[in-house]
Amino acid sequence: EEFAKEIGYSKMTVQGYERGIRKYTFETLQKIADIYG
C-alpha cells in the first residue's frame, strides 16, 4: 500500500505486478528507479 501510493498506482496494481497477473512496462520500472534513486 505504501509503495503503491508513493509510485502513484493502486495497491491492487502492485499486488498484480507481484503476483504476475499484471504486466508492467519499462516506463514503470524507470518511474520507480527515478523515485527511489
PDB file of all heavy atoms in Angstrom:
ATOM      1  N   GLU A   1       0.819  -1.212   0.000  1.00  0.00           N
ATOM      2  CA  GLU A   1       0.000   0.000   0.000  1.00  0.00           C
ATOM      3  C   GLU A   1       0.854   1.265   0.000  1.00  0.00           C
ATOM      4  O   GLU A   1       0.598   2.203  -0.759  1.00  0.00           O
ATOM      5  CB  GLU A   1      -0.939  -0.006   1.205  1.00  0.00           C
ATOM      6  CG  GLU A   1      -1.963   1.088   1.188  1.00  0.00           C
ATOM      7  CD  GLU A   1      -3.025   0.920   2.262  1.00  0.00           C
ATOM      8  OE1 GLU A   1      -3.041  -0.101   2.969  1.00  0.00           O
ATOM      9  OE2 GLU A   1      -3.831   1.839   2.375  1.00  0.00           O
ATOM     10  N   GLU A   2       1.879   1.293   0.841  1.00  0.00           N
ATOM     11  CA  GLU A   2       2.765   2.456   0.907  1.00  0.00           C
ATOM     12  C   GLU A   2       3.518   2.651  -0.414  1.00  0.00           C
ATOM     13  O   GLU A   2       3.626   3.763  -0.923  1.00  0.00           O
ATOM     14  CB  GLU A   2       3.781   2.281   2.043  1.00  0.00           C
ATOM     15  CG  GLU A   2       3.182   2.305   3.426  1.00  0.00           C
ATOM     16  CD  GLU A   2       4.129   1.797   4.497  1.00  0.00           C
ATOM     17  OE1 GLU A   2       5.045   0.996   4.197  1.00  0.00           O
ATOM     18  OE2 GLU A   2       3.932   2.209   5.655  1.00  0.00           O
ATOM     19  N   PHE A   3       4.029   1.545  -0.943  1.00  0.00           N
ATOM     20  CA  PHE A   3       4.775   1.577  -2.200  1.00  0.00           C
ATOM     21  C   PHE A   3       3.883   2.073  -3.333  1.00  0.00           C
ATOM     22  O   PHE A   3       4.284   2.940  -4.119  1.00  0.00           O
ATOM     23  CB  PHE A   3       5.315   0.172  -2.491  1.00  0.00           C
ATOM     24  CG  PHE A   3       6.207   0.070  -3.690  1.00  0.00           C
ATOM     25  CD1 PHE A   3       7.499   0.561  -3.658  1.00  0.00           C
ATOM     26  CD2 PHE A   3       5.782  -0.558  -4.848  1.00  0.00           C
ATOM     27  CE1 PHE A   3       8.339   0.431  -4.755  1.00  0.00           C
ATOM     28  CE2 PHE A   3       6.605  -0.683  -5.952  1.00  0.00           C
ATOM     29  CZ  PHE A   3       7.887  -0.185  -5.904  1.00  0.00           C
ATOM     30  N   ALA A   4       2.668   1.528  -3.401  1.00  0.00           N
ATOM     31  CA  ALA A   4       1.722   1.911  -4.449  1.00  0.00           C
ATOM     32  C   ALA A   4       1.436   3.409  -4.406  1.00  0.00           C
ATOM     33  O   ALA A   4       1.443   4.096  -5.437  1.00  0.00           O
ATOM     34  CB  ALA A   4       0.429   1.116  -4.309  1.00  0.00           C
ATOM     35  N   LYS A   5       1.201   3.917  -3.222  1.00  0.00           N
ATOM     36  CA  LYS A   5       0.910   5.342  -3.066  1.00  0.00           C
ATOM     37  C   LYS A   5       2.091   6.181  -3.523  1.00  0.00           C
ATOM     38  O   LYS A   5       1.922   7.188  -4.217  1.00  0.00           O
ATOM     39  CB  LYS A   5       0.566   5.647  -1.609  1.00  0.00           C
ATOM     40  CG  LYS A   5       0.143   7.072  -1.373  1.00  0.00           C
ATOM     41  CD  LYS A   5      -0.271   7.289   0.070  1.00  0.00           C
ATOM     42  CE  LYS A   5      -0.703   8.739   0.277  1.00  0.00           C
ATOM     43  NZ  LYS A   5      -1.114   8.994   1.649  1.00  0.00           N
ATOM     44  N   GLU A   6       3.275   5.760  -3.156  1.00  0.00           N
ATOM     45  CA  GLU A   6       4.499   6.508  -3.493  1.00  0.00           C
ATOM     46  C   GLU A   6       4.729   6.560  -5.009  1.00  0.00           C
ATOM     47  O   GLU A   6       5.169   7.578  -5.533  1.00  0.00           O
ATOM     48  CB  GLU A   6       5.700   5.868  -2.797  1.00  0.00           C
ATOM     49  CG  GLU A   6       6.972   6.640  -2.909  1.00  0.00           C
ATOM     50  CD  GLU A   6       7.021   7.863  -2.002  1.00  0.00           C
ATOM     51  OE1 GLU A   6       6.268   7.916  -1.010  1.00  0.00           O
ATOM     52  OE2 GLU A   6       7.810   8.761  -2.307  1.00  0.00           O
ATOM     53  N   ILE A   7       4.434   5.467  -5.718  1.00  0.00           N
ATOM     54  CA  ILE A   7       4.681   5.438  -7.158  1.00  0.00           C
ATOM     55  C   ILE A   7       3.452   5.842  -7.974  1.00  0.00           C
ATOM     56  O   ILE A   7       3.497   5.878  -9.203  1.00  0.00           O
ATOM     57  CB  ILE A   7       5.218   4.057  -7.632  1.00  0.00           C
ATOM     58  CG1 ILE A   7       4.189   2.944  -7.442  1.00  0.00           C
ATOM     59  CG2 ILE A   7       6.547   3.737  -6.955  1.00  0.00           C
ATOM     60  CD1 ILE A   7       4.599   1.601  -8.042  1.00  0.00           C
ATOM     61  N   GLY A   8       2.348   6.123  -7.284  1.00  0.00           N
ATOM     62  CA  GLY A   8       1.171   6.626  -7.979  1.00  0.00           C
ATOM     63  C   GLY A   8       0.275   5.571  -8.593  1.00  0.00           C
ATOM     64  O   GLY A   8      -0.457   5.853  -9.549  1.00  0.00           O
ATOM     65  N   TYR A   9       0.301   4.364  -8.045  1.00  0.00           N
ATOM     66  CA  TYR A   9      -0.559   3.282  -8.509  1.00  0.00           C
ATOM     67  C   TYR A   9      -1.399   2.781  -7.341  1.00  0.00           C
ATOM     68  O   TYR A   9      -1.128   3.098  -6.192  1.00  0.00           O
ATOM     69  CB  TYR A   9       0.260   2.119  -9.084  1.00  0.00           C
ATOM     70  CG  TYR A   9       1.012   2.465 -10.346  1.00  0.00           C
ATOM     71  CD1 TYR A   9       2.377   2.642 -10.329  1.00  0.00           C
ATOM     72  CD2 TYR A   9       0.342   2.614 -11.543  1.00  0.00           C
ATOM     73  CE1 TYR A   9       3.077   2.964 -11.489  1.00  0.00           C
ATOM     74  CE2 TYR A   9       1.028   2.935 -12.713  1.00  0.00           C
ATOM     75  CZ  TYR A   9       2.398   3.106 -12.679  1.00  0.00           C
ATOM     76  OH  TYR A   9       3.078   3.415 -13.820  1.00  0.00           O
ATOM     77  N   SER A  10      -2.381   1.962  -7.643  1.00  0.00           N
ATOM     78  CA  SER A  10      -3.203   1.393  -6.576  1.00  0.00           C
ATOM     79  C   SER A  10      -2.499   0.189  -5.959  1.00  0.00           C
ATOM     80  O   SER A  10      -1.620  -0.418  -6.585  1.00  0.00           O
ATOM     81  CB  SER A  10      -4.569   0.959  -7.117  1.00  0.00           C
ATOM     82  OG  SER A  10      -4.426  -0.188  -7.932  1.00  0.00           O
ATOM     83  N   LYS A  11      -2.912  -0.149  -4.750  1.00  0.00           N
ATOM     84  CA  LYS A  11      -2.379  -1.339  -4.084  1.00  0.00           C
ATOM     85  C   LYS A  11      -2.669  -2.572  -4.932  1.00  0.00           C
ATOM     86  O   LYS A  11      -1.832  -3.459  -5.052  1.00  0.00           O
ATOM     87  CB  LYS A  11      -3.002  -1.486  -2.694  1.00  0.00           C
ATOM     88  CG  LYS A  11      -2.531  -2.714  -1.944  1.00  0.00           C
ATOM     89  CD  LYS A  11      -3.216  -2.831  -0.603  1.00  0.00           C
ATOM     90  CE  LYS A  11      -2.857  -4.133   0.080  1.00  0.00           C
ATOM     91  NZ  LYS A  11      -3.560  -4.286   1.349  1.00  0.00           N
ATOM     92  N   MET A  12      -3.850  -2.628  -5.541  1.00  0.00           N
ATOM     93  CA  MET A  12      -4.216  -3.782  -6.368  1.00  0.00           C
ATOM     94  C   MET A  12      -3.290  -3.915  -7.576  1.00  0.00           C
ATOM     95  O   MET A  12      -2.962  -5.021  -7.988  1.00  0.00           O
ATOM     96  CB  MET A  12      -5.671  -3.700  -6.796  1.00  0.00           C
ATOM     97  CG  MET A  12      -6.612  -3.865  -5.605  1.00  0.00           C
ATOM     98  SD  MET A  12      -8.295  -4.300  -6.010  1.00  0.00           S
ATOM     99  CE  MET A  12      -8.104  -5.811  -6.894  1.00  0.00           C
ATOM    100  N   THR A  13      -2.854  -2.794  -8.119  1.00  0.00           N
ATOM    101  CA  THR A  13      -1.924  -2.835  -9.251  1.00  0.00           C
ATOM    102  C   THR A  13      -0.594  -3.435  -8.810  1.00  0.00           C
ATOM    103  O   THR A  13      -0.047  -4.311  -9.484  1.00  0.00           O
ATOM    104  CB  THR A  13      -1.718  -1.423  -9.841  1.00  0.00           C
ATOM    105  OG1 THR A  13      -2.968  -0.961 -10.350  1.00  0.00           O
ATOM    106  CG2 THR A  13      -0.686  -1.428 -10.947  1.00  0.00           C
ATOM    107  N   VAL A  14      -0.081  -2.977  -7.677  1.00  0.00           N
ATOM    108  CA  VAL A  14       1.186  -3.516  -7.159  1.00  0.00           C
ATOM    109  C   VAL A  14       1.030  -5.008  -6.853  1.00  0.00           C
ATOM    110  O   VAL A  14       1.902  -5.814  -7.170  1.00  0.00           O
ATOM    111  CB  VAL A  14       1.674  -2.722  -5.936  1.00  0.00           C
ATOM    112  CG1 VAL A  14       2.854  -3.409  -5.259  1.00  0.00           C
ATOM    113  CG2 VAL A  14       2.049  -1.303  -6.335  1.00  0.00           C
ATOM    114  N   GLN A  15      -0.086  -5.397  -6.254  1.00  0.00           N
ATOM    115  CA  GLN A  15      -0.335  -6.813  -5.983  1.00  0.00           C
ATOM    116  C   GLN A  15      -0.342  -7.600  -7.290  1.00  0.00           C
ATOM    117  O   GLN A  15       0.221  -8.696  -7.363  1.00  0.00           O
ATOM    118  CB  GLN A  15      -1.674  -6.995  -5.269  1.00  0.00           C
ATOM    119  CG  GLN A  15      -1.650  -6.578  -3.827  1.00  0.00           C
ATOM    120  CD  GLN A  15      -3.026  -6.647  -3.175  1.00  0.00           C
ATOM    121  OE1 GLN A  15      -4.056  -6.580  -3.843  1.00  0.00           O
ATOM    122  NE2 GLN A  15      -3.040  -6.769  -1.860  1.00  0.00           N
ATOM    123  N   GLY A  16      -0.963  -7.047  -8.321  1.00  0.00           N
ATOM    124  CA  GLY A  16      -0.993  -7.715  -9.627  1.00  0.00           C
ATOM    125  C   GLY A  16       0.393  -7.896 -10.209  1.00  0.00           C
ATOM    126  O   GLY A  16       0.714  -8.937 -10.774  1.00  0.00           O
ATOM    127  N   TYR A  17       1.253  -6.869 -10.068  1.00  0.00           N
ATOM    128  CA  TYR A  17       2.638  -6.982 -10.533  1.00  0.00           C
ATOM    129  C   TYR A  17       3.358  -8.097  -9.790  1.00  0.00           C
ATOM    130  O   TYR A  17       4.036  -8.929 -10.398  1.00  0.00           O
ATOM    131  CB  TYR A  17       3.407  -5.679 -10.303  1.00  0.00           C
ATOM    132  CG  TYR A  17       2.995  -4.493 -11.134  1.00  0.00           C
ATOM    133  CD1 TYR A  17       3.229  -3.202 -10.665  1.00  0.00           C
ATOM    134  CD2 TYR A  17       2.398  -4.620 -12.382  1.00  0.00           C
ATOM    135  CE1 TYR A  17       2.884  -2.087 -11.406  1.00  0.00           C
ATOM    136  CE2 TYR A  17       2.042  -3.511 -13.125  1.00  0.00           C
ATOM    137  CZ  TYR A  17       2.282  -2.253 -12.632  1.00  0.00           C
ATOM    138  OH  TYR A  17       1.950  -1.143 -13.365  1.00  0.00           O
ATOM    139  N   GLU A  18       3.201  -8.109  -8.470  1.00  0.00           N
ATOM    140  CA  GLU A  18       3.930  -9.085  -7.653  1.00  0.00           C
ATOM    141  C   GLU A  18       3.404 -10.504  -7.818  1.00  0.00           C
ATOM    142  O   GLU A  18       4.142 -11.459  -7.569  1.00  0.00           O
ATOM    143  CB  GLU A  18       3.894  -8.658  -6.186  1.00  0.00           C
ATOM    144  CG  GLU A  18       4.729  -7.424  -5.923  1.00  0.00           C
ATOM    145  CD  GLU A  18       4.866  -7.085  -4.460  1.00  0.00           C
ATOM    146  OE1 GLU A  18       4.481  -7.896  -3.590  1.00  0.00           O
ATOM    147  OE2 GLU A  18       5.378  -5.970  -4.163  1.00  0.00           O
ATOM    148  N   ARG A  19       2.175 -10.653  -8.210  1.00  0.00           N
ATOM    149  CA  ARG A  19       1.615 -11.990  -8.445  1.00  0.00           C
ATOM    150  C   ARG A  19       1.811 -12.453  -9.885  1.00  0.00           C
ATOM    151  O   ARG A  19       1.524 -13.607 -10.209  1.00  0.00           O
ATOM    152  CB  ARG A  19       0.125 -11.995  -8.109  1.00  0.00           C
ATOM    153  CG  ARG A  19      -0.154 -11.829  -6.645  1.00  0.00           C
ATOM    154  CD  ARG A  19      -1.631 -11.852  -6.387  1.00  0.00           C
ATOM    155  NE  ARG A  19      -1.892 -11.653  -4.971  1.00  0.00           N
ATOM    156  CZ  ARG A  19      -3.052 -11.224  -4.487  1.00  0.00           C
ATOM    157  NH1 ARG A  19      -4.061 -10.969  -5.300  1.00  0.00           N
ATOM    158  NH2 ARG A  19      -3.208 -11.060  -3.196  1.00  0.00           N
ATOM    159  N   GLY A  20       2.254 -11.565 -10.741  1.00  0.00           N
ATOM    160  CA  GLY A  20       2.450 -11.915 -12.140  1.00  0.00           C
ATOM    161  C   GLY A  20       1.162 -11.894 -12.943  1.00  0.00           C
ATOM    162  O   GLY A  20       1.124 -12.357 -14.075  1.00  0.00           O
ATOM    163  N   ILE A  21       0.104 -11.339 -12.366  1.00  0.00           N
ATOM    164  CA  ILE A  21      -1.190 -11.251 -13.044  1.00  0.00           C
ATOM    165  C   ILE A  21      -1.203 -10.052 -13.986  1.00  0.00           C
ATOM    166  O   ILE A  21      -1.820 -10.076 -15.032  1.00  0.00           O
ATOM    167  CB  ILE A  21      -2.329 -11.107 -12.004  1.00  0.00           C
ATOM    168  CG1 ILE A  21      -2.377 -12.347 -11.124  1.00  0.00           C
ATOM    169  CG2 ILE A  21      -3.665 -10.855 -12.668  1.00  0.00           C
ATOM    170  CD1 ILE A  21      -3.246 -12.200  -9.886  1.00  0.00           C
ATOM    171  N   ARG A  22      -0.520  -8.999 -13.602  1.00  0.00           N
ATOM    172  CA  ARG A  22      -0.474  -7.762 -14.372  1.00  0.00           C
ATOM    173  C   ARG A  22       0.954  -7.545 -14.849  1.00  0.00           C
ATOM    174  O   ARG A  22       1.902  -7.719 -14.094  1.00  0.00           O
ATOM    175  CB  ARG A  22      -0.923  -6.610 -13.482  1.00  0.00           C
ATOM    176  CG  ARG A  22      -0.954  -5.275 -14.150  1.00  0.00           C
ATOM    177  CD  ARG A  22      -1.374  -4.193 -13.169  1.00  0.00           C
ATOM    178  NE  ARG A  22      -2.752  -4.328 -12.791  1.00  0.00           N
ATOM    179  CZ  ARG A  22      -3.739  -3.587 -13.274  1.00  0.00           C
ATOM    180  NH1 ARG A  22      -3.476  -2.668 -14.164  1.00  0.00           N
ATOM    181  NH2 ARG A  22      -4.974  -3.749 -12.863  1.00  0.00           N
ATOM    182  N   LYS A  23       1.094  -7.158 -16.098  1.00  0.00           N
ATOM    183  CA  LYS A  23       2.422  -6.882 -16.641  1.00  0.00           C
ATOM    184  C   LYS A  23       2.714  -5.385 -16.528  1.00  0.00           C
ATOM    185  O   LYS A  23       1.827  -4.565 -16.651  1.00  0.00           O
ATOM    186  CB  LYS A  23       2.482  -7.320 -18.103  1.00  0.00           C
ATOM    187  CG  LYS A  23       2.274  -8.811 -18.274  1.00  0.00           C
ATOM    188  CD  LYS A  23       2.767  -9.273 -19.607  1.00  0.00           C
ATOM    189  CE  LYS A  23       2.519 -10.745 -19.844  1.00  0.00           C
ATOM    190  NZ  LYS A  23       3.037 -11.641 -18.878  1.00  0.00           N
ATOM    191  N   TYR A  24       3.965  -5.063 -16.274  1.00  0.00           N
ATOM    192  CA  TYR A  24       4.363  -3.673 -16.189  1.00  0.00           C
ATOM    193  C   TYR A  24       5.283  -3.352 -17.353  1.00  0.00           C
ATOM    194  O   TYR A  24       5.821  -4.238 -18.007  1.00  0.00           O
ATOM    195  CB  TYR A  24       5.044  -3.361 -14.852  1.00  0.00           C
ATOM    196  CG  TYR A  24       6.195  -4.285 -14.523  1.00  0.00           C
ATOM    197  CD1 TYR A  24       7.469  -4.027 -14.981  1.00  0.00           C
ATOM    198  CD2 TYR A  24       5.987  -5.425 -13.762  1.00  0.00           C
ATOM    199  CE1 TYR A  24       8.528  -4.879 -14.688  1.00  0.00           C
ATOM    200  CE2 TYR A  24       7.041  -6.278 -13.456  1.00  0.00           C
ATOM    201  CZ  TYR A  24       8.300  -6.000 -13.925  1.00  0.00           C
ATOM    202  OH  TYR A  24       9.338  -6.837 -13.635  1.00  0.00           O
ATOM    203  N   THR A  25       5.467  -2.077 -17.595  1.00  0.00           N
ATOM    204  CA  THR A  25       6.297  -1.626 -18.704  1.00  0.00           C
ATOM    205  C   THR A  25       7.671  -1.186 -18.211  1.00  0.00           C
ATOM    206  O   THR A  25       7.880  -1.002 -17.007  1.00  0.00           O
ATOM    207  CB  THR A  25       5.634  -0.424 -19.411  1.00  0.00           C
ATOM    208  OG1 THR A  25       5.556   0.663 -18.484  1.00  0.00           O
ATOM    209  CG2 THR A  25       4.244  -0.775 -19.926  1.00  0.00           C
ATOM    210  N   PHE A  26       8.556  -0.986 -19.139  1.00  0.00           N
ATOM    211  CA  PHE A  26       9.861  -0.442 -18.801  1.00  0.00           C
ATOM    212  C   PHE A  26       9.700   0.944 -18.187  1.00  0.00           C
ATOM    213  O   PHE A  26      10.431   1.318 -17.270  1.00  0.00           O
ATOM    214  CB  PHE A  26      10.765  -0.372 -20.038  1.00  0.00           C
ATOM    215  CG  PHE A  26      12.120   0.203 -19.729  1.00  0.00           C
ATOM    216  CD1 PHE A  26      13.098  -0.581 -19.146  1.00  0.00           C
ATOM    217  CD2 PHE A  26      12.401   1.539 -19.986  1.00  0.00           C
ATOM    218  CE1 PHE A  26      14.346  -0.050 -18.825  1.00  0.00           C
ATOM    219  CE2 PHE A  26      13.637   2.075 -19.686  1.00  0.00           C
ATOM    220  CZ  PHE A  26      14.611   1.279 -19.107  1.00  0.00           C
ATOM    221  N   GLU A  27       8.712   1.689 -18.676  1.00  0.00           N
ATOM    222  CA  GLU A  27       8.460   3.019 -18.137  1.00  0.00           C
ATOM    223  C   GLU A  27       8.103   2.951 -16.648  1.00  0.00           C
ATOM    224  O   GLU A  27       8.479   3.833 -15.871  1.00  0.00           O
ATOM    225  CB  GLU A  27       7.349   3.722 -18.924  1.00  0.00           C
ATOM    226  CG  GLU A  27       7.780   4.179 -20.307  1.00  0.00           C
ATOM    227  CD  GLU A  27       7.838   3.058 -21.354  1.00  0.00           C
ATOM    228  OE1 GLU A  27       7.264   1.969 -21.125  1.00  0.00           O
ATOM    229  OE2 GLU A  27       8.484   3.276 -22.390  1.00  0.00           O
ATOM    230  N   THR A  28       7.374   1.914 -16.255  1.00  0.00           N
ATOM    231  CA  THR A  28       7.041   1.732 -14.836  1.00  0.00           C
ATOM    232  C   THR A  28       8.317   1.501 -14.026  1.00  0.00           C
ATOM    233  O   THR A  28       8.501   2.105 -12.970  1.00  0.00           O
ATOM    234  CB  THR A  28       6.063   0.554 -14.644  1.00  0.00           C
ATOM    235  OG1 THR A  28       4.851   0.844 -15.329  1.00  0.00           O
ATOM    236  CG2 THR A  28       5.776   0.299 -13.178  1.00  0.00           C
ATOM    237  N   LEU A  29       9.199   0.653 -14.529  1.00  0.00           N
ATOM    238  CA  LEU A  29      10.469   0.419 -13.833  1.00  0.00           C
ATOM    239  C   LEU A  29      11.288   1.704 -13.753  1.00  0.00           C
ATOM    240  O   LEU A  29      11.891   2.008 -12.722  1.00  0.00           O
ATOM    241  CB  LEU A  29      11.278  -0.668 -14.531  1.00  0.00           C
ATOM    242  CG  LEU A  29      10.766  -2.092 -14.406  1.00  0.00           C
ATOM    243  CD1 LEU A  29      11.641  -3.038 -15.221  1.00  0.00           C
ATOM    244  CD2 LEU A  29      10.717  -2.535 -12.959  1.00  0.00           C
ATOM    245  N   GLN A  30      11.284   2.465 -14.833  1.00  0.00           N
ATOM    246  CA  GLN A  30      12.035   3.718 -14.846  1.00  0.00           C
ATOM    247  C   GLN A  30      11.452   4.706 -13.842  1.00  0.00           C
ATOM    248  O   GLN A  30      12.193   5.406 -13.144  1.00  0.00           O
ATOM    249  CB  GLN A  30      12.032   4.339 -16.245  1.00  0.00           C
ATOM    250  CG  GLN A  30      12.917   5.563 -16.366  1.00  0.00           C
ATOM    251  CD  GLN A  30      14.372   5.248 -16.114  1.00  0.00           C
ATOM    252  OE1 GLN A  30      14.948   4.386 -16.761  1.00  0.00           O
ATOM    253  NE2 GLN A  30      14.982   5.932 -15.154  1.00  0.00           N
ATOM    254  N   LYS A  31      10.131   4.752 -13.739  1.00  0.00           N
ATOM    255  CA  LYS A  31       9.474   5.630 -12.773  1.00  0.00           C
ATOM    256  C   LYS A  31       9.891   5.267 -11.349  1.00  0.00           C
ATOM    257  O   LYS A  31      10.228   6.137 -10.546  1.00  0.00           O
ATOM    258  CB  LYS A  31       7.959   5.514 -12.926  1.00  0.00           C
ATOM    259  CG  LYS A  31       7.176   6.389 -11.990  1.00  0.00           C
ATOM    260  CD  LYS A  31       5.679   6.238 -12.239  1.00  0.00           C
ATOM    261  CE  LYS A  31       4.885   7.142 -11.342  1.00  0.00           C
ATOM    262  NZ  LYS A  31       3.444   7.063 -11.598  1.00  0.00           N
ATOM    263  N   ILE A  32       9.882   3.964 -11.036  1.00  0.00           N
ATOM    264  CA  ILE A  32      10.298   3.502  -9.711  1.00  0.00           C
ATOM    265  C   ILE A  32      11.760   3.866  -9.465  1.00  0.00           C
ATOM    266  O   ILE A  32      12.123   4.355  -8.399  1.00  0.00           O
ATOM    267  CB  ILE A  32      10.070   1.985  -9.562  1.00  0.00           C
ATOM    268  CG1 ILE A  32       8.568   1.686  -9.587  1.00  0.00           C
ATOM    269  CG2 ILE A  32      10.716   1.445  -8.288  1.00  0.00           C
ATOM    270  CD1 ILE A  32       8.228   0.212  -9.748  1.00  0.00           C
ATOM    271  N   ALA A  33      12.597   3.653 -10.476  1.00  0.00           N
ATOM    272  CA  ALA A  33      14.022   3.978 -10.351  1.00  0.00           C
ATOM    273  C   ALA A  33      14.214   5.463 -10.064  1.00  0.00           C
ATOM    274  O   ALA A  33      15.013   5.841  -9.200  1.00  0.00           O
ATOM    275  CB  ALA A  33      14.755   3.577 -11.628  1.00  0.00           C
ATOM    276  N   ASP A  34      13.479   6.296 -10.768  1.00  0.00           N
ATOM    277  CA  ASP A  34      13.607   7.742 -10.568  1.00  0.00           C
ATOM    278  C   ASP A  34      13.169   8.156  -9.165  1.00  0.00           C
ATOM    279  O   ASP A  34      13.831   8.969  -8.524  1.00  0.00           O
ATOM    280  CB  ASP A  34      12.786   8.499 -11.609  1.00  0.00           C
ATOM    281  CG  ASP A  34      13.366   8.396 -13.013  1.00  0.00           C
ATOM    282  OD1 ASP A  34      14.535   7.998 -13.159  1.00  0.00           O
ATOM    283  OD2 ASP A  34      12.626   8.709 -13.971  1.00  0.00           O
ATOM    284  N   ILE A  35      12.067   7.594  -8.693  1.00  0.00           N
ATOM    285  CA  ILE A  35      11.536   7.959  -7.379  1.00  0.00           C
ATOM    286  C   ILE A  35      12.503   7.577  -6.262  1.00  0.00           C
ATOM    287  O   ILE A  35      12.733   8.348  -5.330  1.00  0.00           O
ATOM    288  CB  ILE A  35      10.157   7.315  -7.144  1.00  0.00           C
ATOM    289  CG1 ILE A  35       9.108   7.968  -8.059  1.00  0.00           C
ATOM    290  CG2 ILE A  35       9.730   7.401  -5.684  1.00  0.00           C
ATOM    291  CD1 ILE A  35       7.776   7.248  -8.102  1.00  0.00           C
ATOM    292  N   TYR A  36      13.097   6.386  -6.365  1.00  0.00           N
ATOM    293  CA  TYR A  36      13.918   5.872  -5.269  1.00  0.00           C
ATOM    294  C   TYR A  36      15.420   5.981  -5.497  1.00  0.00           C
ATOM    295  O   TYR A  36      16.217   5.524  -4.679  1.00  0.00           O
ATOM    296  CB  TYR A  36      13.539   4.425  -4.979  1.00  0.00           C
ATOM    297  CG  TYR A  36      12.140   4.328  -4.410  1.00  0.00           C
ATOM    298  CD1 TYR A  36      11.081   3.898  -5.192  1.00  0.00           C
ATOM    299  CD2 TYR A  36      11.880   4.699  -3.092  1.00  0.00           C
ATOM    300  CE1 TYR A  36       9.795   3.823  -4.675  1.00  0.00           C
ATOM    301  CE2 TYR A  36      10.609   4.637  -2.576  1.00  0.00           C
ATOM    302  CZ  TYR A  36       9.569   4.200  -3.370  1.00  0.00           C
ATOM    303  OH  TYR A  36       8.297   4.150  -2.856  1.00  0.00           O
ATOM    304  N   GLY A  37      15.826   6.571  -6.594  1.00  0.00           N
ATOM    305  CA  GLY A  37      17.243   6.767  -6.843  1.00  0.00           C
ATOM    306  C   GLY A  37      17.957   5.505  -7.294  1.00  0.00           C
ATOM    307  O   GLY A  37      19.164   5.369  -7.092  1.00  0.00           O
TER     308      GLY A  37
END
